[in-house]
Amino acid sequence: MTSTDDDRRDDAAVQSAFAELGRISFAEHSLESVVRTVTELTGRVLPGRPIASVTIVRGGRPRTVASSGALALELDQEQYRLGAGPCLSAATTGRLSEIPDTRVDEQWPEFSALAARAGCDSMLSHPLPGQEKVSGALNVYARAHTAVDQRTRDLLARLTAYAVVPVSNMYLYEAAVERAEHLRSALDSRAVIDQAKGILMERFRLTPDAAFQALTRVSMETNTKVRDVALRFVTTGEFRPD
């Protein structure tokens, strides 16, 4: 087969993967399932039985928010422990980082030795698009050694560069939903606490500050959240549990 035939086959495989990634619906997928899809599509394009993970660095602290296999999570955490490795490099510098062969790598020798013993033969981390104070990387681990030539690296780089868009968008979407839920919970808590304060003020002729202090005192004495103390009082009329 000629080099041109290889290029055409590669283009067709990558374009098919792009099309499938483009059909991902936020309403039907989670971040975990998007990462799993990326892994499955990468497996169609490349040898090496790859798995993937997503690293997010917030406030200088990295964590894995999604992974498609235990090996990816394990090796992410080894890099966090060591404070060095491709996923941290890509996430913090915004540049593509790779280990073509963990058995001979000299850039991150301690991590590479661990990765090789764990069954990972090569790795590539692609930075996620910068968003506010969040940085991150999409990490792809190959579990079976293959000759990593420039064409293979280019293929993986093209796929991950495209995949980071839905992965990043899904992360931001889930983060926004989580913030909205926290805000709604906070507003609900504030409403029931204000309601309980109003009852205490009317029943015992307390000031707003004194009513809130009464709630917090019961909260500390019973090791119960202020919201739960207020909710019990509003719904049952009981200020303290039996």
C-alpha atoms as a PDB file:
ATOM      1  CA  MET A   1       0.000   0.000   0.000  1.00  0.00           C
ATOM      2  CA  THR A   2       1.375   3.424  -0.923  1.00  0.00           C
ATOM      3  CA  SER A   3       1.865   6.349   1.451  1.00  0.00           C
ATOM      4  CA  THR A   4      -0.980   8.129  -0.339  1.00  0.00           C
ATOM      5  CA  ASP A   5      -3.283   5.183   0.324  1.00  0.00           C
ATOM      6  CA  ASP A   6      -2.280   5.251   4.003  1.00  0.00           C
ATOM      7  CA  ASP A   7      -3.001   8.962   4.188  1.00  0.00           C
ATOM      8  CA  ARG A   8      -6.425   8.497   2.601  1.00  0.00           C
ATOM      9  CA  ARG A   9      -7.264   5.679   4.991  1.00  0.00           C
ATOM     10  CA  ASP A  10      -6.109   7.784   7.947  1.00  0.00           C
ATOM     11  CA  ASP A  11      -8.141  10.774   6.766  1.00  0.00           C
ATOM     12  CA  ALA A  12     -11.261   8.643   6.391  1.00  0.00           C
ATOM     13  CA  ALA A  13     -10.853   7.118   9.859  1.00  0.00           C
ATOM     14  CA  VAL A  14     -10.235  10.475  11.522  1.00  0.00           C
ATOM     15  CA  GLN A  15     -13.090  12.198   9.685  1.00  0.00           C
ATOM     16  CA  SER A  16     -15.432   9.405  10.766  1.00  0.00           C
ATOM     17  CA  ALA A  17     -14.305   9.916  14.365  1.00  0.00           C
ATOM     18  CA  PHE A  18     -14.782  13.691  14.028  1.00  0.00           C
ATOM     19  CA  ALA A  19     -18.310  13.179  12.746  1.00  0.00           C
ATOM     20  CA  GLU A  20     -19.209  10.924  15.678  1.00  0.00           C
ATOM     21  CA  LEU A  21     -17.757  13.361  18.200  1.00  0.00           C
ATOM     22  CA  GLY A  22     -19.739  16.146  16.569  1.00  0.00           C
ATOM     23  CA  ARG A  23     -22.990  14.248  17.164  1.00  0.00           C
ATOM     24  CA  ILE A  24     -22.512  14.072  20.945  1.00  0.00           C
ATOM     25  CA  SER A  25     -25.471  15.565  22.798  1.00  0.00           C
ATOM     26  CA  PHE A  26     -24.957  17.055  26.261  1.00  0.00           C
ATOM     27  CA  ALA A  27     -28.445  15.903  27.232  1.00  0.00           C
ATOM     28  CA  GLU A  28     -27.604  12.270  26.472  1.00  0.00           C
ATOM     29  CA  HIS A  29     -24.035  11.992  27.740  1.00  0.00           C
ATOM     30  CA  SER A  30     -21.940  12.558  30.841  1.00  0.00           C
ATOM     31  CA  LEU A  31     -18.316  13.653  30.905  1.00  0.00           C
ATOM     32  CA  GLU A  32     -17.378  10.044  31.658  1.00  0.00           C
ATOM     33  CA  SER A  33     -19.261   8.758  28.620  1.00  0.00           C
ATOM     34  CA  VAL A  34     -17.703  11.416  26.371  1.00  0.00           C
ATOM     35  CA  VAL A  35     -14.220  10.342  27.481  1.00  0.00           C
ATOM     36  CA  ARG A  36     -15.202   6.716  26.878  1.00  0.00           C
ATOM     37  CA  THR A  37     -16.370   7.655  23.378  1.00  0.00           C
ATOM     38  CA  VAL A  38     -13.058   9.405  22.713  1.00  0.00           C
ATOM     39  CA  THR A  39     -11.224   6.267  23.790  1.00  0.00           C
ATOM     40  CA  GLU A  40     -13.350   4.035  21.577  1.00  0.00           C
ATOM     41  CA  LEU A  41     -12.829   6.293  18.582  1.00  0.00           C
ATOM     42  CA  THR A  42      -9.089   6.526  19.257  1.00  0.00           C
ATOM     43  CA  GLY A  43      -8.993   2.738  19.296  1.00  0.00           C
ATOM     44  CA  ARG A  44     -10.481   2.690  15.798  1.00  0.00           C
ATOM     45  CA  VAL A  45      -7.857   5.073  14.474  1.00  0.00           C
ATOM     46  CA  LEU A  46      -4.770   3.873  16.333  1.00  0.00           C
ATOM     47  CA  PRO A  47      -3.265   0.629  17.571  1.00  0.00           C
ATOM     48  CA  GLY A  48      -2.222   0.205  21.176  1.00  0.00           C
ATOM     49  CA  ARG A  49      -5.619  -0.430  22.870  1.00  0.00           C
ATOM     50  CA  PRO A  50      -5.729   3.158  24.218  1.00  0.00           C
ATOM     51  CA  ILE A  51      -7.665   4.445  27.203  1.00  0.00           C
ATOM     52  CA  ALA A  52      -8.225   8.071  28.185  1.00  0.00           C
ATOM     53  CA  SER A  53      -8.697  10.441  31.083  1.00  0.00           C
ATOM     54  CA  VAL A  54      -9.286  14.139  31.687  1.00  0.00           C
ATOM     55  CA  THR A  55      -7.135  16.110  34.121  1.00  0.00           C
ATOM     56  CA  ILE A  56      -8.366  19.429  35.487  1.00  0.00           C
ATOM     57  CA  VAL A  57      -6.082  21.781  37.433  1.00  0.00           C
ATOM     58  CA  ARG A  58      -7.907  24.291  39.590  1.00  0.00           C
ATOM     59  CA  GLY A  59      -6.200  26.456  42.172  1.00  0.00           C
ATOM     60  CA  GLY A  60      -2.939  24.654  41.441  1.00  0.00           C
ATOM     61  CA  ARG A  61      -4.403  21.256  42.388  1.00  0.00           C
ATOM     62  CA  PRO A  62      -4.883  18.548  39.725  1.00  0.00           C
ATOM     63  CA  ARG A  63      -7.608  15.931  39.733  1.00  0.00           C
ATOM     64  CA  THR A  64      -9.014  13.414  37.281  1.00  0.00           C
ATOM     65  CA  VAL A  65     -12.625  14.311  36.511  1.00  0.00           C
ATOM     66  CA  ALA A  66     -13.237  11.386  34.141  1.00  0.00           C
ATOM     67  CA  SER A  67     -11.489   8.256  32.923  1.00  0.00           C
ATOM     68  CA  SER A  68     -12.397   5.285  30.785  1.00  0.00           C
ATOM     69  CA  GLY A  69     -10.269   2.762  32.641  1.00  0.00           C
ATOM     70  CA  ALA A  70      -8.471   2.069  35.909  1.00  0.00           C
ATOM     71  CA  LEU A  71      -5.024   2.300  34.311  1.00  0.00           C
ATOM     72  CA  ALA A  72      -5.596   5.893  33.190  1.00  0.00           C
ATOM     73  CA  LEU A  73      -6.771   6.924  36.644  1.00  0.00           C
ATOM     74  CA  GLU A  74      -3.863   5.127  38.318  1.00  0.00           C
ATOM     75  CA  LEU A  75      -1.250   6.769  36.088  1.00  0.00           C
ATOM     76  CA  ASP A  76      -2.854  10.196  36.405  1.00  0.00           C
ATOM     77  CA  GLN A  77      -2.601   9.895  40.181  1.00  0.00           C
ATOM     78  CA  GLU A  78       1.021   8.784  39.984  1.00  0.00           C
ATOM     79  CA  GLN A  79       1.810  11.987  38.082  1.00  0.00           C
ATOM     80  CA  TYR A  80      -0.027  14.074  40.694  1.00  0.00           C
ATOM     81  CA  ARG A  81       1.961  12.328  43.434  1.00  0.00           C
ATOM     82  CA  LEU A  82       5.263  12.906  41.654  1.00  0.00           C
ATOM     83  CA  GLY A  83       4.333  16.421  40.571  1.00  0.00           C
ATOM     84  CA  ALA A  84       5.528  15.674  37.044  1.00  0.00           C
ATOM     85  CA  GLY A  85       4.425  13.957  33.850  1.00  0.00           C
ATOM     86  CA  PRO A  86       2.765  14.619  30.499  1.00  0.00           C
ATOM     87  CA  CYS A  87      -0.724  15.329  31.842  1.00  0.00           C
ATOM     88  CA  LEU A  88       0.544  17.967  34.277  1.00  0.00           C
ATOM     89  CA  SER A  89       2.844  19.439  31.664  1.00  0.00           C
ATOM     90  CA  ALA A  90       0.062  19.748  29.061  1.00  0.00           C
ATOM     91  CA  ALA A  91      -2.445  21.098  31.600  1.00  0.00           C
ATOM     92  CA  THR A  92      -0.126  23.742  33.027  1.00  0.00           C
ATOM     93  CA  THR A  93       1.829  24.822  29.938  1.00  0.00           C
ATOM     94  CA  GLY A  94      -0.909  24.559  27.318  1.00  0.00           C
ATOM     95  CA  ARG A  95       1.404  22.531  25.068  1.00  0.00           C
ATOM     96  CA  LEU A  96       1.127  18.981  23.748  1.00  0.00           C
ATOM     97  CA  SER A  97       3.175  16.519  25.831  1.00  0.00           C
ATOM     98  CA  GLU A  98       4.057  12.946  24.962  1.00  0.00           C
ATOM     99  CA  ILE A  99       6.034   9.865  25.849  1.00  0.00           C
ATOM    100  CA  PRO A 100       6.565   7.864  22.635  1.00  0.00           C
ATOM    101  CA  ASP A 101       8.046   4.898  24.555  1.00  0.00           C
ATOM    102  CA  THR A 102       7.866   4.638  28.349  1.00  0.00           C
ATOM    103  CA  ARG A 103      10.731   2.118  28.343  1.00  0.00           C
ATOM    104  CA  VAL A 104      13.309   4.653  27.133  1.00  0.00           C
ATOM    105  CA  ASP A 105      11.870   8.020  28.177  1.00  0.00           C
ATOM    106  CA  GLU A 106      14.336  10.449  29.767  1.00  0.00           C
ATOM    107  CA  GLN A 107      12.079  13.480  30.313  1.00  0.00           C
ATOM    108  CA  TRP A 108       9.973  11.886  33.085  1.00  0.00           C
ATOM    109  CA  PRO A 109      12.027   8.784  33.933  1.00  0.00           C
ATOM    110  CA  GLU A 110      10.427   7.996  37.312  1.00  0.00           C
ATOM    111  CA  PHE A 111       6.885   8.222  35.998  1.00  0.00           C
ATOM    112  CA  SER A 112       7.760   6.425  32.750  1.00  0.00           C
ATOM    113  CA  ALA A 113       9.234   3.500  34.686  1.00  0.00           C
ATOM    114  CA  LEU A 114       6.031   3.251  36.726  1.00  0.00           C
ATOM    115  CA  ALA A 115       3.915   3.485  33.567  1.00  0.00           C
ATOM    116  CA  ALA A 116       5.925   0.782  31.816  1.00  0.00           C
ATOM    117  CA  ARG A 117       5.537  -1.590  34.773  1.00  0.00           C
ATOM    118  CA  ALA A 118       1.798  -0.860  34.865  1.00  0.00           C
ATOM    119  CA  GLY A 119       1.406  -1.831  31.207  1.00  0.00           C
ATOM    120  CA  CYS A 120       1.377   1.553  29.485  1.00  0.00           C
ATOM    121  CA  ASP A 121       3.797   1.778  26.572  1.00  0.00           C
ATOM    122  CA  SER A 122       3.147   5.300  25.294  1.00  0.00           C
ATOM    123  CA  MET A 123       1.182   8.395  26.252  1.00  0.00           C
ATOM    124  CA  LEU A 124      -0.010  11.673  24.805  1.00  0.00           C
ATOM    125  CA  SER A 125      -1.622  14.595  26.660  1.00  0.00           C
ATOM    126  CA  HIS A 126      -3.348  17.405  24.805  1.00  0.00           C
ATOM    127  CA  PRO A 127      -4.219  20.629  26.657  1.00  0.00           C
ATOM    128  CA  LEU A 128      -7.854  21.621  26.972  1.00  0.00           C
ATOM    129  CA  PRO A 129      -8.787  25.114  25.798  1.00  0.00           C
ATOM    130  CA  GLY A 130      -8.130  27.621  28.586  1.00  0.00           C
ATOM    131  CA  GLN A 131     -11.321  28.607  30.436  1.00  0.00           C
ATOM    132  CA  GLU A 132     -11.213  31.279  33.135  1.00  0.00           C
ATOM    133  CA  LYS A 133      -9.017  29.909  35.949  1.00  0.00           C
ATOM    134  CA  VAL A 134      -9.348  26.285  34.854  1.00  0.00           C
ATOM    135  CA  SER A 135      -6.696  24.407  32.905  1.00  0.00           C
ATOM    136  CA  GLY A 136      -6.587  20.769  31.957  1.00  0.00           C
ATOM    137  CA  ALA A 137      -5.604  18.034  29.552  1.00  0.00           C
ATOM    138  CA  LEU A 138      -7.040  15.081  27.681  1.00  0.00           C
ATOM    139  CA  ASN A 139      -4.701  12.131  28.309  1.00  0.00           C
ATOM    140  CA  VAL A 140      -4.463   9.094  26.041  1.00  0.00           C
ATOM    141  CA  TYR A 141      -2.574   6.000  27.224  1.00  0.00           C
ATOM    142  CA  ALA A 142      -1.607   3.191  24.831  1.00  0.00           C
ATOM    143  CA  ARG A 143      -1.418  -0.227  26.479  1.00  0.00           C
ATOM    144  CA  ALA A 144       0.285  -2.189  23.680  1.00  0.00           C
ATOM    145  CA  HIS A 145       3.583  -1.037  22.233  1.00  0.00           C
ATOM    146  CA  THR A 146       3.600  -0.078  18.598  1.00  0.00           C
ATOM    147  CA  ALA A 147       6.121   1.790  16.503  1.00  0.00           C
ATOM    148  CA  VAL A 148       5.314   5.432  17.254  1.00  0.00           C
ATOM    149  CA  ASP A 149       6.293   7.218  14.085  1.00  0.00           C
ATOM    150  CA  GLN A 150       5.488  10.795  13.147  1.00  0.00           C
ATOM    151  CA  ARG A 151       2.382   9.775  11.223  1.00  0.00           C
ATOM    152  CA  THR A 152       0.979   7.978  14.277  1.00  0.00           C
ATOM    153  CA  ARG A 153       1.716  10.982  16.485  1.00  0.00           C
ATOM    154  CA  ASP A 154       0.081  13.298  13.947  1.00  0.00           C
ATOM    155  CA  LEU A 155      -3.035  11.107  13.854  1.00  0.00           C
ATOM    156  CA  LEU A 156      -3.364  11.034  17.606  1.00  0.00           C
ATOM    157  CA  ALA A 157      -2.693  14.754  17.875  1.00  0.00           C
ATOM    158  CA  ARG A 158      -5.398  15.479  15.273  1.00  0.00           C
ATOM    159  CA  LEU A 159      -7.911  13.299  17.056  1.00  0.00           C
ATOM    160  CA  THR A 160      -7.215  14.656  20.517  1.00  0.00           C
ATOM    161  CA  ALA A 161      -7.143  18.241  19.254  1.00  0.00           C
ATOM    162  CA  TYR A 162     -10.664  17.743  17.958  1.00  0.00           C
ATOM    163  CA  ALA A 163     -11.824  15.696  20.920  1.00  0.00           C
ATOM    164  CA  VAL A 164     -10.827  18.336  23.480  1.00  0.00           C
ATOM    165  CA  VAL A 165     -13.655  20.560  22.229  1.00  0.00           C
ATOM    166  CA  PRO A 166     -16.588  18.293  23.248  1.00  0.00           C
ATOM    167  CA  VAL A 167     -14.670  17.127  26.329  1.00  0.00           C
ATOM    168  CA  SER A 168     -14.017  20.699  27.459  1.00  0.00           C
ATOM    169  CA  ASN A 169     -17.560  21.788  26.654  1.00  0.00           C
ATOM    170  CA  MET A 170     -19.005  18.832  28.562  1.00  0.00           C
ATOM    171  CA  TYR A 171     -16.841  19.628  31.584  1.00  0.00           C
ATOM    172  CA  LEU A 172     -17.954  23.269  31.527  1.00  0.00           C
ATOM    173  CA  TYR A 173     -21.565  22.204  31.066  1.00  0.00           C
ATOM    174  CA  GLU A 174     -21.459  19.825  34.027  1.00  0.00           C
ATOM    175  CA  ALA A 175     -19.638  22.420  36.131  1.00  0.00           C
ATOM    176  CA  ALA A 176     -22.316  24.994  35.294  1.00  0.00           C
ATOM    177  CA  VAL A 177     -25.091  22.553  36.198  1.00  0.00           C
ATOM    178  CA  GLU A 178     -23.342  21.766  39.496  1.00  0.00           C
ATOM    179  CA  ARG A 179     -22.976  25.474  40.300  1.00  0.00           C
ATOM    180  CA  ALA A 180     -26.649  26.031  39.497  1.00  0.00           C
ATOM    181  CA  GLU A 181     -27.651  23.164  41.802  1.00  0.00           C
ATOM    182  CA  HIS A 182     -25.476  24.555  44.592  1.00  0.00           C
ATOM    183  CA  LEU A 183     -26.994  27.994  44.095  1.00  0.00           C
ATOM    184  CA  ARG A 184     -30.518  26.578  44.177  1.00  0.00           C
ATOM    185  CA  SER A 185     -29.690  24.629  47.325  1.00  0.00           C
ATOM    186  CA  ALA A 186     -28.224  27.742  48.911  1.00  0.00           C
ATOM    187  CA  LEU A 187     -31.319  29.768  48.048  1.00  0.00           C
ATOM    188  CA  ASP A 188     -33.593  27.047  49.434  1.00  0.00           C
ATOM    189  CA  SER A 189     -31.553  26.957  52.640  1.00  0.00           C
ATOM    190  CA  ARG A 190     -31.672  30.727  52.962  1.00  0.00           C
ATOM    191  CA  ALA A 191     -35.457  30.736  52.486  1.00  0.00           C
ATOM    192  CA  VAL A 192     -36.178  28.136  55.187  1.00  0.00           C
ATOM    193  CA  ILE A 193     -33.738  29.768  57.620  1.00  0.00           C
ATOM    194  CA  ASP A 194     -35.401  33.150  57.082  1.00  0.00           C
ATOM    195  CA  GLN A 195     -38.787  31.532  57.617  1.00  0.00           C
ATOM    196  CA  ALA A 196     -37.648  29.945  60.896  1.00  0.00           C
ATOM    197  CA  LYS A 197     -36.149  33.249  62.028  1.00  0.00           C
ATOM    198  CA  GLY A 198     -39.457  34.980  61.342  1.00  0.00           C
ATOM    199  CA  ILE A 199     -41.380  32.468  63.462  1.00  0.00           C
ATOM    200  CA  LEU A 200     -38.885  32.790  66.318  1.00  0.00           C
ATOM    201  CA  MET A 201     -39.008  36.589  66.148  1.00  0.00           C
ATOM    202  CA  GLU A 202     -42.817  36.599  66.261  1.00  0.00           C
ATOM    203  CA  ARG A 203     -43.174  33.855  68.903  1.00  0.00           C
ATOM    204  CA  PHE A 204     -40.440  34.940  71.310  1.00  0.00           C
ATOM    205  CA  ARG A 205     -40.097  38.641  70.438  1.00  0.00           C
ATOM    206  CA  LEU A 206     -36.510  38.163  69.292  1.00  0.00           C
ATOM    207  CA  THR A 207     -34.405  40.402  67.078  1.00  0.00           C
ATOM    208  CA  PRO A 208     -33.250  38.957  63.720  1.00  0.00           C
ATOM    209  CA  ASP A 209     -29.722  38.442  65.106  1.00  0.00           C
ATOM    210  CA  ALA A 210     -30.987  36.764  68.266  1.00  0.00           C
ATOM    211  CA  ALA A 211     -33.246  34.450  66.245  1.00  0.00           C
ATOM    212  CA  PHE A 212     -30.345  33.374  64.036  1.00  0.00           C
ATOM    213  CA  GLN A 213     -28.097  32.874  67.071  1.00  0.00           C
ATOM    214  CA  ALA A 214     -30.762  30.604  68.566  1.00  0.00           C
ATOM    215  CA  LEU A 215     -30.738  28.498  65.399  1.00  0.00           C
ATOM    216  CA  THR A 216     -26.943  28.274  65.294  1.00  0.00           C
ATOM    217  CA  ARG A 217     -26.767  27.380  69.005  1.00  0.00           C
ATOM    218  CA  VAL A 218     -29.120  24.428  68.501  1.00  0.00           C
ATOM    219  CA  SER A 219     -27.170  23.509  65.388  1.00  0.00           C
ATOM    220  CA  MET A 220     -23.895  23.296  67.320  1.00  0.00           C
ATOM    221  CA  GLU A 221     -25.423  21.556  70.333  1.00  0.00           C
ATOM    222  CA  THR A 222     -27.090  18.867  68.229  1.00  0.00           C
ATOM    223  CA  ASN A 223     -24.391  18.643  65.544  1.00  0.00           C
ATOM    224  CA  THR A 224     -27.032  19.413  62.921  1.00  0.00           C
ATOM    225  CA  LYS A 225     -26.897  21.797  59.985  1.00  0.00           C
ATOM    226  CA  VAL A 226     -28.599  25.150  60.572  1.00  0.00           C
ATOM    227  CA  ARG A 227     -30.814  24.503  57.542  1.00  0.00           C
ATOM    228  CA  ASP A 228     -31.987  21.192  59.013  1.00  0.00           C
ATOM    229  CA  VAL A 229     -32.703  22.794  62.399  1.00  0.00           C
ATOM    230  CA  ALA A 230     -34.727  25.495  60.653  1.00  0.00           C
ATOM    231  CA  LEU A 231     -36.576  23.001  58.449  1.00  0.00           C
ATOM    232  CA  ARG A 232     -37.560  20.835  61.433  1.00  0.00           C
ATOM    233  CA  PHE A 233     -38.785  23.911  63.322  1.00  0.00           C
ATOM    234  CA  VAL A 234     -40.790  25.206  60.339  1.00  0.00           C
ATOM    235  CA  THR A 235     -42.405  21.856  59.521  1.00  0.00           C
ATOM    236  CA  THR A 236     -42.971  20.419  63.034  1.00  0.00           C
ATOM    237  CA  GLY A 237     -42.772  23.357  65.404  1.00  0.00           C
ATOM    238  CA  GLU A 238     -40.068  21.509  67.351  1.00  0.00           C
ATOM    239  CA  PHE A 239     -36.912  23.485  67.967  1.00  0.00           C
ATOM    240  CA  ARG A 240     -34.829  20.606  69.299  1.00  0.00           C
ATOM    241  CA  PRO A 241     -34.967  16.897  68.501  1.00  0.00           C
ATOM    242  CA  ASP A 242     -36.492  14.626  71.142  1.00  0.00           C
END
